[in-house]
């Protein structure tokens, strides 16, 4: 079901009028804009599969139940695999809860309003349009629904994202993201979806069990220019000299945070669709290097670095090697 609130009805009308250009060809940028706006106007309930790949090989797959009561309520529950079953991510107005029954850990955070989230995503899309190429490549059926298919490329023609958007409701039905070698690194797709859902009373309420450990998450970090972040932190940041194709340093979107009581500069890099982060703080004593699938921590030149993101393993190492304090 589509809901047109007083703040978004005009937006929908304008975009609907602009979505078709000469000769009736869909405009990819307008399709992506409508898909962002649908989050605040479309109710649905569905089942989605999310798959993560590494060098083209499937590493992990998760099936989720997703319920959306626009604009404020969103409930995502893991159905499988069994060891993750019951994990919950619930947004109700400004309140967000993440709960893992296997560890009895509940994380609470306060979010910006849906209108603010949509505005931020639209601004990010505008930046994407300035950096990337977008192509409408036809229509396909996903979960029994007709969908527009849009591909996003870097300026040099490397694929970044491919998305399937419902032609009537503009919900994103499927998304593929690509690594810097043009291989799929993640895929998320609905296997079924219902746009006339009925939710029971209290469906979007959450009360942590008495046995749960409740953690209060930090509020969103204020984004500032690099020079201001360096001034706040009291030391200069070290930038990598190599970035994967299509990625750029977001100089005006840095932040200063505390990690283990130490002031840390948070740098982010984006290709318009995906980001990776570099955390830098002054080292205190020695620290052994550590690595996982998508993050590396090491010490060099009086700094402690953590590089984190969904990059191919060799690209993660190339970025690391180019950071020379």
C-alpha atoms as a PDB file:
ATOM      1  CA  UNK A   1       0.000   0.000   0.000  1.00  0.00           C
ATOM      2  CA  UNK A   2       1.289   3.481  -0.854  1.00  0.00           C
ATOM      3  CA  UNK A   3       0.879   6.287   1.646  1.00  0.00           C
ATOM      4  CA  UNK A   4       1.253   9.882   0.521  1.00  0.00           C
ATOM      5  CA  UNK A   5       2.097  12.129   3.459  1.00  0.00           C
ATOM      6  CA  UNK A   6       1.819  15.892   3.220  1.00  0.00           C
ATOM      7  CA  UNK A   7       5.613  16.270   2.959  1.00  0.00           C
ATOM      8  CA  UNK A   8       6.145  13.732   0.203  1.00  0.00           C
ATOM      9  CA  UNK A   9       3.047  13.761  -1.989  1.00  0.00           C
ATOM     10  CA  UNK A  10       4.345  16.666  -4.046  1.00  0.00           C
ATOM     11  CA  UNK A  11       7.746  14.982  -4.358  1.00  0.00           C
ATOM     12  CA  UNK A  12       6.109  11.829  -5.656  1.00  0.00           C
ATOM     13  CA  UNK A  13       3.994  13.722  -8.165  1.00  0.00           C
ATOM     14  CA  UNK A  14       6.959  15.658  -9.519  1.00  0.00           C
ATOM     15  CA  UNK A  15       9.144  12.600  -9.795  1.00  0.00           C
ATOM     16  CA  UNK A  16       6.406  10.521 -11.362  1.00  0.00           C
ATOM     17  CA  UNK A  17       6.013  13.205 -14.006  1.00  0.00           C
ATOM     18  CA  UNK A  18       9.756  13.240 -14.667  1.00  0.00           C
ATOM     19  CA  UNK A  19      10.388   9.497 -14.672  1.00  0.00           C
ATOM     20  CA  UNK A  20       9.601   9.182 -18.371  1.00  0.00           C
ATOM     21  CA  UNK A  21      11.613  11.190 -20.854  1.00  0.00           C
ATOM     22  CA  UNK A  22      11.356  11.509 -24.617  1.00  0.00           C
ATOM     23  CA  UNK A  23       9.935   8.427 -26.365  1.00  0.00           C
ATOM     24  CA  UNK A  24       8.883   6.934 -23.008  1.00  0.00           C
ATOM     25  CA  UNK A  25      12.350   5.719 -21.990  1.00  0.00           C
ATOM     26  CA  UNK A  26      12.678   5.451 -18.177  1.00  0.00           C
ATOM     27  CA  UNK A  27      15.262   7.774 -16.636  1.00  0.00           C
ATOM     28  CA  UNK A  28      17.560   5.776 -14.312  1.00  0.00           C
ATOM     29  CA  UNK A  29      18.309   8.622 -11.895  1.00  0.00           C
ATOM     30  CA  UNK A  30      14.601   9.269 -11.344  1.00  0.00           C
ATOM     31  CA  UNK A  31      13.961   5.561 -10.760  1.00  0.00           C
ATOM     32  CA  UNK A  32      16.624   5.525  -8.039  1.00  0.00           C
ATOM     33  CA  UNK A  33      15.157   8.666  -6.471  1.00  0.00           C
ATOM     34  CA  UNK A  34      11.715   7.097  -6.314  1.00  0.00           C
ATOM     35  CA  UNK A  35      13.166   3.960  -4.738  1.00  0.00           C
ATOM     36  CA  UNK A  36      14.552   6.113  -1.900  1.00  0.00           C
ATOM     37  CA  UNK A  37      11.246   7.931  -1.420  1.00  0.00           C
ATOM     38  CA  UNK A  38       9.305   4.647  -1.305  1.00  0.00           C
ATOM     39  CA  UNK A  39      10.741   3.931   2.164  1.00  0.00           C
ATOM     40  CA  UNK A  40       8.485   6.613   3.650  1.00  0.00           C
ATOM     41  CA  UNK A  41       5.366   5.819   1.635  1.00  0.00           C
ATOM     42  CA  UNK A  42       5.046   2.111   0.882  1.00  0.00           C
ATOM     43  CA  UNK A  43       3.919  -0.633   3.282  1.00  0.00           C
ATOM     44  CA  UNK A  44       5.056  -4.169   2.524  1.00  0.00           C
ATOM     45  CA  UNK A  45       5.918  -7.556   3.985  1.00  0.00           C
ATOM     46  CA  UNK A  46       8.299  -9.975   2.330  1.00  0.00           C
ATOM     47  CA  UNK A  47      11.093 -12.516   2.498  1.00  0.00           C
ATOM     48  CA  UNK A  48      14.569 -11.535   1.304  1.00  0.00           C
ATOM     49  CA  UNK A  49      17.781 -13.496   0.744  1.00  0.00           C
ATOM     50  CA  UNK A  50      21.148 -11.804   1.286  1.00  0.00           C
ATOM     51  CA  UNK A  51      24.308 -13.452  -0.065  1.00  0.00           C
ATOM     52  CA  UNK A  52      27.925 -12.320   0.438  1.00  0.00           C
ATOM     53  CA  UNK A  53      30.671 -13.375  -2.010  1.00  0.00           C
ATOM     54  CA  UNK A  54      34.464 -13.346  -1.835  1.00  0.00           C
ATOM     55  CA  UNK A  55      36.329 -13.428  -5.158  1.00  0.00           C
ATOM     56  CA  UNK A  56      33.183 -14.690  -6.854  1.00  0.00           C
ATOM     57  CA  UNK A  57      32.579 -17.501  -4.302  1.00  0.00           C
ATOM     58  CA  UNK A  58      29.551 -17.588  -2.010  1.00  0.00           C
ATOM     59  CA  UNK A  59      30.706 -17.112   1.572  1.00  0.00           C
ATOM     60  CA  UNK A  60      27.455 -16.600   3.482  1.00  0.00           C
ATOM     61  CA  UNK A  61      23.716 -16.570   2.869  1.00  0.00           C
ATOM     62  CA  UNK A  62      20.931 -15.303   5.123  1.00  0.00           C
ATOM     63  CA  UNK A  63      17.150 -15.379   4.708  1.00  0.00           C
ATOM     64  CA  UNK A  64      15.208 -12.534   6.336  1.00  0.00           C
ATOM     65  CA  UNK A  65      11.572 -11.642   6.998  1.00  0.00           C
ATOM     66  CA  UNK A  66      11.055  -7.913   6.406  1.00  0.00           C
ATOM     67  CA  UNK A  67       7.975  -5.944   7.489  1.00  0.00           C
ATOM     68  CA  UNK A  68       7.620  -2.237   6.694  1.00  0.00           C
ATOM     69  CA  UNK A  69       4.882  -0.014   8.100  1.00  0.00           C
ATOM     70  CA  UNK A  70       5.809   3.286   6.466  1.00  0.00           C
ATOM     71  CA  UNK A  71       7.168   5.707   7.324  1.00  0.00           C
ATOM     72  CA  UNK A  72       8.355   4.907  10.843  1.00  0.00           C
ATOM     73  CA  UNK A  73       8.395   1.151  11.391  1.00  0.00           C
ATOM     74  CA  UNK A  74      10.696  -1.516   9.945  1.00  0.00           C
ATOM     75  CA  UNK A  75      11.203  -5.030  11.342  1.00  0.00           C
ATOM     76  CA  UNK A  76      13.817  -7.472  10.017  1.00  0.00           C
ATOM     77  CA  UNK A  77      14.136 -10.973  11.481  1.00  0.00           C
ATOM     78  CA  UNK A  78      16.598 -13.658  10.356  1.00  0.00           C
ATOM     79  CA  UNK A  79      14.884 -16.913   9.362  1.00  0.00           C
ATOM     80  CA  UNK A  80      17.976 -18.926   8.435  1.00  0.00           C
ATOM     81  CA  UNK A  81      20.644 -20.231   8.873  1.00  0.00           C
ATOM     82  CA  UNK A  82      19.736 -21.875  12.159  1.00  0.00           C
ATOM     83  CA  UNK A  83      22.671 -20.401  14.119  1.00  0.00           C
ATOM     84  CA  UNK A  84      21.443 -16.879  13.283  1.00  0.00           C
ATOM     85  CA  UNK A  85      17.711 -17.533  13.442  1.00  0.00           C
ATOM     86  CA  UNK A  86      15.781 -14.942  15.438  1.00  0.00           C
ATOM     87  CA  UNK A  87      18.252 -12.086  15.112  1.00  0.00           C
ATOM     88  CA  UNK A  88      16.223  -8.915  15.082  1.00  0.00           C
ATOM     89  CA  UNK A  89      16.708  -5.404  13.742  1.00  0.00           C
ATOM     90  CA  UNK A  90      13.754  -3.187  14.576  1.00  0.00           C
ATOM     91  CA  UNK A  91      13.148   0.498  13.892  1.00  0.00           C
ATOM     92  CA  UNK A  92      10.140   2.194  15.458  1.00  0.00           C
ATOM     93  CA  UNK A  93      10.161   5.953  14.976  1.00  0.00           C
ATOM     94  CA  UNK A  94      13.523   7.237  16.218  1.00  0.00           C
ATOM     95  CA  UNK A  95      14.185   4.077  18.248  1.00  0.00           C
ATOM     96  CA  UNK A  96      16.325   1.282  16.839  1.00  0.00           C
ATOM     97  CA  UNK A  97      16.997  -2.094  18.446  1.00  0.00           C
ATOM     98  CA  UNK A  98      19.327  -4.884  17.361  1.00  0.00           C
ATOM     99  CA  UNK A  99      18.906  -8.109  19.317  1.00  0.00           C
ATOM    100  CA  UNK A 100      20.784 -11.414  19.054  1.00  0.00           C
ATOM    101  CA  UNK A 101      19.063 -14.191  21.054  1.00  0.00           C
ATOM    102  CA  UNK A 102      22.160 -16.428  20.865  1.00  0.00           C
ATOM    103  CA  UNK A 103      24.144 -13.915  22.952  1.00  0.00           C
ATOM    104  CA  UNK A 104      21.196 -12.190  24.674  1.00  0.00           C
ATOM    105  CA  UNK A 105      22.686  -8.843  23.629  1.00  0.00           C
ATOM    106  CA  UNK A 106      20.443  -5.898  22.742  1.00  0.00           C
ATOM    107  CA  UNK A 107      21.858  -2.715  21.199  1.00  0.00           C
ATOM    108  CA  UNK A 108      19.727   0.432  21.396  1.00  0.00           C
ATOM    109  CA  UNK A 109      20.302   3.562  19.331  1.00  0.00           C
ATOM    110  CA  UNK A 110      18.453   6.746  18.407  1.00  0.00           C
ATOM    111  CA  UNK A 111      18.102   7.522  14.707  1.00  0.00           C
ATOM    112  CA  UNK A 112      17.396  10.655  12.690  1.00  0.00           C
ATOM    113  CA  UNK A 113      13.808  11.032  11.503  1.00  0.00           C
ATOM    114  CA  UNK A 114      12.729   9.175   8.324  1.00  0.00           C
ATOM    115  CA  UNK A 115      12.565  12.527   6.533  1.00  0.00           C
ATOM    116  CA  UNK A 116      16.182  13.263   7.496  1.00  0.00           C
ATOM    117  CA  UNK A 117      17.321   9.801   6.373  1.00  0.00           C
ATOM    118  CA  UNK A 118      15.588  10.212   3.016  1.00  0.00           C
ATOM    119  CA  UNK A 119      17.083  13.674   2.554  1.00  0.00           C
ATOM    120  CA  UNK A 120      20.576  12.348   3.281  1.00  0.00           C
ATOM    121  CA  UNK A 121      20.151   9.476   0.835  1.00  0.00           C
ATOM    122  CA  UNK A 122      18.867  11.829  -1.871  1.00  0.00           C
ATOM    123  CA  UNK A 123      21.910  14.062  -1.342  1.00  0.00           C
ATOM    124  CA  UNK A 124      24.183  11.027  -1.605  1.00  0.00           C
ATOM    125  CA  UNK A 125      22.407  10.025  -4.817  1.00  0.00           C
ATOM    126  CA  UNK A 126      23.031  13.487  -6.254  1.00  0.00           C
ATOM    127  CA  UNK A 127      26.751  13.061  -5.510  1.00  0.00           C
ATOM    128  CA  UNK A 128      26.588   9.638  -7.122  1.00  0.00           C
ATOM    129  CA  UNK A 129      25.066  11.162 -10.256  1.00  0.00           C
ATOM    130  CA  UNK A 130      27.994  13.581 -10.499  1.00  0.00           C
ATOM    131  CA  UNK A 131      30.590  10.807 -10.211  1.00  0.00           C
ATOM    132  CA  UNK A 132      29.009   7.833 -11.949  1.00  0.00           C
ATOM    133  CA  UNK A 133      27.322   6.685 -15.108  1.00  0.00           C
ATOM    134  CA  UNK A 134      23.799   5.259 -14.874  1.00  0.00           C
ATOM    135  CA  UNK A 135      22.138   3.044 -17.447  1.00  0.00           C
ATOM    136  CA  UNK A 136      18.604   1.721 -17.804  1.00  0.00           C
ATOM    137  CA  UNK A 137      19.007  -1.845 -19.061  1.00  0.00           C
ATOM    138  CA  UNK A 138      15.401  -3.045 -19.339  1.00  0.00           C
ATOM    139  CA  UNK A 139      12.923  -4.828 -17.098  1.00  0.00           C
ATOM    140  CA  UNK A 140      12.783  -8.232 -15.416  1.00  0.00           C
ATOM    141  CA  UNK A 141      10.548 -10.093 -12.975  1.00  0.00           C
ATOM    142  CA  UNK A 142      11.631 -10.392  -9.333  1.00  0.00           C
ATOM    143  CA  UNK A 143       9.433 -12.182  -6.770  1.00  0.00           C
ATOM    144  CA  UNK A 144       6.656 -12.169  -9.359  1.00  0.00           C
ATOM    145  CA  UNK A 145       6.831  -8.378  -9.739  1.00  0.00           C
ATOM    146  CA  UNK A 146       7.893  -6.413 -12.857  1.00  0.00           C
ATOM    147  CA  UNK A 147      11.009  -4.383 -12.145  1.00  0.00           C
ATOM    148  CA  UNK A 148      13.085  -1.670 -13.807  1.00  0.00           C
ATOM    149  CA  UNK A 149      16.758  -2.657 -14.030  1.00  0.00           C
ATOM    150  CA  UNK A 150      19.393   0.058 -13.535  1.00  0.00           C
ATOM    151  CA  UNK A 151      23.185  -0.333 -13.597  1.00  0.00           C
ATOM    152  CA  UNK A 152      25.658   2.105 -12.069  1.00  0.00           C
ATOM    153  CA  UNK A 153      29.249   2.352 -13.347  1.00  0.00           C
ATOM    154  CA  UNK A 154      32.359   4.328 -12.482  1.00  0.00           C
ATOM    155  CA  UNK A 155      33.458   7.036 -14.896  1.00  0.00           C
ATOM    156  CA  UNK A 156      35.813   4.426 -16.392  1.00  0.00           C
ATOM    157  CA  UNK A 157      33.045   1.904 -16.957  1.00  0.00           C
ATOM    158  CA  UNK A 158      33.567  -0.476 -14.007  1.00  0.00           C
ATOM    159  CA  UNK A 159      30.264  -1.807 -12.579  1.00  0.00           C
ATOM    160  CA  UNK A 160      29.456  -0.675  -9.044  1.00  0.00           C
ATOM    161  CA  UNK A 161      25.822  -1.598  -8.517  1.00  0.00           C
ATOM    162  CA  UNK A 162      22.887  -3.190 -10.329  1.00  0.00           C
ATOM    163  CA  UNK A 163      19.406  -2.727  -8.937  1.00  0.00           C
ATOM    164  CA  UNK A 164      15.904  -3.976  -9.732  1.00  0.00           C
ATOM    165  CA  UNK A 165      13.121  -1.535  -8.727  1.00  0.00           C
ATOM    166  CA  UNK A 166       9.412  -2.391  -8.672  1.00  0.00           C
ATOM    167  CA  UNK A 167       7.759  -0.604 -11.607  1.00  0.00           C
ATOM    168  CA  UNK A 168       4.631   0.282  -9.582  1.00  0.00           C
ATOM    169  CA  UNK A 169       5.723   0.741  -5.967  1.00  0.00           C
ATOM    170  CA  UNK A 170       9.419   1.564  -6.544  1.00  0.00           C
ATOM    171  CA  UNK A 171      10.635  -0.724  -3.758  1.00  0.00           C
ATOM    172  CA  UNK A 172      14.120  -2.058  -4.420  1.00  0.00           C
ATOM    173  CA  UNK A 173      13.470  -5.757  -5.080  1.00  0.00           C
ATOM    174  CA  UNK A 174      17.022  -6.856  -5.808  1.00  0.00           C
ATOM    175  CA  UNK A 175      20.493  -5.328  -5.570  1.00  0.00           C
ATOM    176  CA  UNK A 176      23.912  -6.571  -6.638  1.00  0.00           C
ATOM    177  CA  UNK A 177      27.120  -4.801  -5.641  1.00  0.00           C
ATOM    178  CA  UNK A 178      30.458  -5.339  -7.370  1.00  0.00           C
ATOM    179  CA  UNK A 179      34.043  -5.310  -6.150  1.00  0.00           C
ATOM    180  CA  UNK A 180      36.916  -3.533  -7.898  1.00  0.00           C
ATOM    181  CA  UNK A 181      37.448  -6.624 -10.093  1.00  0.00           C
ATOM    182  CA  UNK A 182      33.859  -6.382 -11.414  1.00  0.00           C
ATOM    183  CA  UNK A 183      32.828  -9.495  -9.473  1.00  0.00           C
ATOM    184  CA  UNK A 184      29.601  -9.595  -7.456  1.00  0.00           C
ATOM    185  CA  UNK A 185      30.433  -9.079  -3.776  1.00  0.00           C
ATOM    186  CA  UNK A 186      26.882  -9.097  -2.416  1.00  0.00           C
ATOM    187  CA  UNK A 187      23.380  -9.809  -3.624  1.00  0.00           C
ATOM    188  CA  UNK A 188      20.061  -9.128  -1.876  1.00  0.00           C
ATOM    189  CA  UNK A 189      16.738 -10.133  -3.422  1.00  0.00           C
ATOM    190  CA  UNK A 190      13.125 -10.681  -2.414  1.00  0.00           C
ATOM    191  CA  UNK A 191      11.668 -14.115  -3.021  1.00  0.00           C
ATOM    192  CA  UNK A 192       8.181 -12.909  -2.151  1.00  0.00           C
ATOM    193  CA  UNK A 193       6.585  -9.557  -1.284  1.00  0.00           C
ATOM    194  CA  UNK A 194       3.095  -8.348  -0.344  1.00  0.00           C
ATOM    195  CA  UNK A 195       2.079  -4.684  -0.647  1.00  0.00           C
ATOM    196  CA  UNK A 196      -1.158  -5.067   1.372  1.00  0.00           C
ATOM    197  CA  UNK A 197       0.178  -6.407   4.664  1.00  0.00           C
ATOM    198  CA  UNK A 198      -1.692  -6.622   7.959  1.00  0.00           C
ATOM    199  CA  UNK A 199       0.465  -6.295  11.079  1.00  0.00           C
ATOM    200  CA  UNK A 200      -0.724  -7.404  14.528  1.00  0.00           C
ATOM    201  CA  UNK A 201      -0.813  -4.941  17.417  1.00  0.00           C
ATOM    202  CA  UNK A 202       2.584  -4.544  19.043  1.00  0.00           C
ATOM    203  CA  UNK A 203       4.413  -6.007  16.031  1.00  0.00           C
ATOM    204  CA  UNK A 204       6.910  -3.135  16.053  1.00  0.00           C
ATOM    205  CA  UNK A 205       7.358  -2.984  19.838  1.00  0.00           C
ATOM    206  CA  UNK A 206      10.441  -4.404  21.533  1.00  0.00           C
ATOM    207  CA  UNK A 207      11.280  -4.949  25.173  1.00  0.00           C
ATOM    208  CA  UNK A 208      14.660  -6.603  25.899  1.00  0.00           C
ATOM    209  CA  UNK A 209      14.362  -9.814  27.937  1.00  0.00           C
ATOM    210  CA  UNK A 210      15.341  -9.445  31.588  1.00  0.00           C
ATOM    211  CA  UNK A 211      18.396 -11.643  30.962  1.00  0.00           C
ATOM    212  CA  UNK A 212      19.633  -9.498  28.039  1.00  0.00           C
ATOM    213  CA  UNK A 213      22.693  -7.275  28.147  1.00  0.00           C
ATOM    214  CA  UNK A 214      21.561  -3.852  26.912  1.00  0.00           C
ATOM    215  CA  UNK A 215      24.091  -1.628  25.159  1.00  0.00           C
ATOM    216  CA  UNK A 216      23.452   2.031  24.334  1.00  0.00           C
ATOM    217  CA  UNK A 217      25.038   2.847  20.967  1.00  0.00           C
ATOM    218  CA  UNK A 218      26.779   6.147  20.337  1.00  0.00           C
ATOM    219  CA  UNK A 219      24.902   8.837  18.448  1.00  0.00           C
ATOM    220  CA  UNK A 220      25.809   9.507  14.856  1.00  0.00           C
ATOM    221  CA  UNK A 221      29.178  11.175  14.401  1.00  0.00           C
ATOM    222  CA  UNK A 222      29.115  14.790  13.235  1.00  0.00           C
ATOM    223  CA  UNK A 223      30.649  15.092   9.785  1.00  0.00           C
ATOM    224  CA  UNK A 224      33.233  17.857   9.407  1.00  0.00           C
ATOM    225  CA  UNK A 225      35.951  18.875   6.944  1.00  0.00           C
ATOM    226  CA  UNK A 226      39.333  17.134   7.279  1.00  0.00           C
ATOM    227  CA  UNK A 227      41.065  20.275   8.524  1.00  0.00           C
ATOM    228  CA  UNK A 228      38.508  20.688  11.325  1.00  0.00           C
ATOM    229  CA  UNK A 229      38.796  17.013  12.306  1.00  0.00           C
ATOM    230  CA  UNK A 230      42.591  17.301  12.512  1.00  0.00           C
ATOM    231  CA  UNK A 231      42.260  20.393  14.703  1.00  0.00           C
ATOM    232  CA  UNK A 232      39.807  18.619  17.034  1.00  0.00           C
ATOM    233  CA  UNK A 233      41.967  15.495  17.248  1.00  0.00           C
ATOM    234  CA  UNK A 234      45.240  17.379  17.729  1.00  0.00           C
ATOM    235  CA  UNK A 235      47.155  15.477  15.033  1.00  0.00           C
ATOM    236  CA  UNK A 236      47.324  15.225  11.245  1.00  0.00           C
ATOM    237  CA  UNK A 237      45.603  12.447   9.324  1.00  0.00           C
ATOM    238  CA  UNK A 238      47.532  10.171   6.955  1.00  0.00           C
ATOM    239  CA  UNK A 239      45.836   9.587   3.589  1.00  0.00           C
ATOM    240  CA  UNK A 240      46.385   6.564   1.334  1.00  0.00           C
ATOM    241  CA  UNK A 241      48.036   7.298  -1.991  1.00  0.00           C
ATOM    242  CA  UNK A 242      46.154   4.423  -3.667  1.00  0.00           C
ATOM    243  CA  UNK A 243      42.368   4.034  -3.909  1.00  0.00           C
ATOM    244  CA  UNK A 244      40.454   1.309  -5.769  1.00  0.00           C
ATOM    245  CA  UNK A 245      38.998   2.421  -9.126  1.00  0.00           C
ATOM    246  CA  UNK A 246      36.081   4.825  -8.690  1.00  0.00           C
ATOM    247  CA  UNK A 247      36.699   5.601  -5.006  1.00  0.00           C
ATOM    248  CA  UNK A 248      37.296   9.124  -3.707  1.00  0.00           C
ATOM    249  CA  UNK A 249      38.184  10.528  -0.310  1.00  0.00           C
ATOM    250  CA  UNK A 250      35.195  12.302   1.272  1.00  0.00           C
ATOM    251  CA  UNK A 251      37.143  15.272   2.614  1.00  0.00           C
ATOM    252  CA  UNK A 252      34.087  17.047   3.988  1.00  0.00           C
ATOM    253  CA  UNK A 253      32.667  13.952   5.724  1.00  0.00           C
ATOM    254  CA  UNK A 254      35.340  13.078   8.282  1.00  0.00           C
ATOM    255  CA  UNK A 255      34.664  12.623  11.993  1.00  0.00           C
ATOM    256  CA  UNK A 256      36.340  12.486  15.388  1.00  0.00           C
ATOM    257  CA  UNK A 257      35.368   9.647  17.743  1.00  0.00           C
ATOM    258  CA  UNK A 258      36.656   7.898  20.864  1.00  0.00           C
ATOM    259  CA  UNK A 259      37.924   4.310  20.615  1.00  0.00           C
ATOM    260  CA  UNK A 260      39.054   2.704  23.859  1.00  0.00           C
ATOM    261  CA  UNK A 261      39.377   6.175  25.345  1.00  0.00           C
ATOM    262  CA  UNK A 262      41.618   7.442  22.534  1.00  0.00           C
ATOM    263  CA  UNK A 263      40.779  10.261  20.129  1.00  0.00           C
ATOM    264  CA  UNK A 264      40.414   8.828  16.639  1.00  0.00           C
ATOM    265  CA  UNK A 265      39.985  10.401  13.204  1.00  0.00           C
ATOM    266  CA  UNK A 266      37.462   8.583  11.026  1.00  0.00           C
ATOM    267  CA  UNK A 267      38.094   8.925   7.274  1.00  0.00           C
ATOM    268  CA  UNK A 268      35.661   7.582   4.671  1.00  0.00           C
ATOM    269  CA  UNK A 269      36.085   6.803   0.986  1.00  0.00           C
ATOM    270  CA  UNK A 270      33.248   6.264  -1.466  1.00  0.00           C
ATOM    271  CA  UNK A 271      32.646   5.239  -5.050  1.00  0.00           C
ATOM    272  CA  UNK A 272      29.171   6.729  -4.867  1.00  0.00           C
ATOM    273  CA  UNK A 273      27.446   3.477  -3.925  1.00  0.00           C
ATOM    274  CA  UNK A 274      29.753   1.837  -1.356  1.00  0.00           C
ATOM    275  CA  UNK A 275      32.181   3.137   1.255  1.00  0.00           C
ATOM    276  CA  UNK A 276      35.150   1.939   3.241  1.00  0.00           C
ATOM    277  CA  UNK A 277      36.643   3.535   6.362  1.00  0.00           C
ATOM    278  CA  UNK A 278      40.073   4.284   7.780  1.00  0.00           C
ATOM    279  CA  UNK A 279      40.395   4.927  11.537  1.00  0.00           C
ATOM    280  CA  UNK A 280      43.573   6.615  12.780  1.00  0.00           C
ATOM    281  CA  UNK A 281      44.743   7.353  16.316  1.00  0.00           C
ATOM    282  CA  UNK A 282      48.074   7.985  17.963  1.00  0.00           C
ATOM    283  CA  UNK A 283      49.658   4.740  19.158  1.00  0.00           C
ATOM    284  CA  UNK A 284      50.298   4.212  22.851  1.00  0.00           C
ATOM    285  CA  UNK A 285      52.745   1.352  23.303  1.00  0.00           C
ATOM    286  CA  UNK A 286      53.140  -1.577  20.938  1.00  0.00           C
ATOM    287  CA  UNK A 287      50.302  -3.364  19.188  1.00  0.00           C
ATOM    288  CA  UNK A 288      50.297  -6.592  17.200  1.00  0.00           C
ATOM    289  CA  UNK A 289      48.754  -6.440  13.704  1.00  0.00           C
ATOM    290  CA  UNK A 290      45.408  -8.177  13.242  1.00  0.00           C
ATOM    291  CA  UNK A 291      43.245  -8.983  10.236  1.00  0.00           C
ATOM    292  CA  UNK A 292      39.835 -10.390   9.394  1.00  0.00           C
ATOM    293  CA  UNK A 293      37.863 -10.851   6.168  1.00  0.00           C
ATOM    294  CA  UNK A 294      37.163  -7.145   5.729  1.00  0.00           C
ATOM    295  CA  UNK A 295      39.372  -5.270   8.207  1.00  0.00           C
ATOM    296  CA  UNK A 296      43.030  -4.834   9.066  1.00  0.00           C
ATOM    297  CA  UNK A 297      44.622  -3.229  12.143  1.00  0.00           C
ATOM    298  CA  UNK A 298      48.313  -2.321  12.300  1.00  0.00           C
ATOM    299  CA  UNK A 299      50.753   0.151  13.869  1.00  0.00           C
ATOM    300  CA  UNK A 300      53.193   2.336  11.940  1.00  0.00           C
ATOM    301  CA  UNK A 301      55.005   5.634  12.490  1.00  0.00           C
ATOM    302  CA  UNK A 302      53.382   6.367  15.834  1.00  0.00           C
ATOM    303  CA  UNK A 303      49.854   5.699  14.523  1.00  0.00           C
ATOM    304  CA  UNK A 304      47.416   2.843  15.063  1.00  0.00           C
ATOM    305  CA  UNK A 305      45.380   2.235  11.892  1.00  0.00           C
ATOM    306  CA  UNK A 306      42.217   0.234  11.247  1.00  0.00           C
ATOM    307  CA  UNK A 307      41.098  -0.191   7.632  1.00  0.00           C
ATOM    308  CA  UNK A 308      37.590  -1.571   7.243  1.00  0.00           C
ATOM    309  CA  UNK A 309      35.289  -2.180   4.278  1.00  0.00           C
ATOM    310  CA  UNK A 310      33.836  -4.632   1.771  1.00  0.00           C
ATOM    311  CA  UNK A 311      36.840  -4.472  -0.559  1.00  0.00           C
ATOM    312  CA  UNK A 312      38.485  -7.394  -2.312  1.00  0.00           C
ATOM    313  CA  UNK A 313      41.321  -8.778  -0.181  1.00  0.00           C
ATOM    314  CA  UNK A 314      44.095  -7.666  -2.520  1.00  0.00           C
ATOM    315  CA  UNK A 315      42.601  -4.172  -2.761  1.00  0.00           C
ATOM    316  CA  UNK A 316      42.471  -3.909   1.024  1.00  0.00           C
ATOM    317  CA  UNK A 317      46.167  -4.748   1.113  1.00  0.00           C
ATOM    318  CA  UNK A 318      47.006  -2.258  -1.662  1.00  0.00           C
ATOM    319  CA  UNK A 319      45.266   0.556   0.225  1.00  0.00           C
ATOM    320  CA  UNK A 320      47.123  -0.440   3.412  1.00  0.00           C
ATOM    321  CA  UNK A 321      50.497  -0.474   1.632  1.00  0.00           C
ATOM    322  CA  UNK A 322      49.907   3.064   0.353  1.00  0.00           C
ATOM    323  CA  UNK A 323      49.429   4.534   3.861  1.00  0.00           C
ATOM    324  CA  UNK A 324      52.866   5.846   4.819  1.00  0.00           C
ATOM    325  CA  UNK A 325      53.039   8.108   7.910  1.00  0.00           C
END
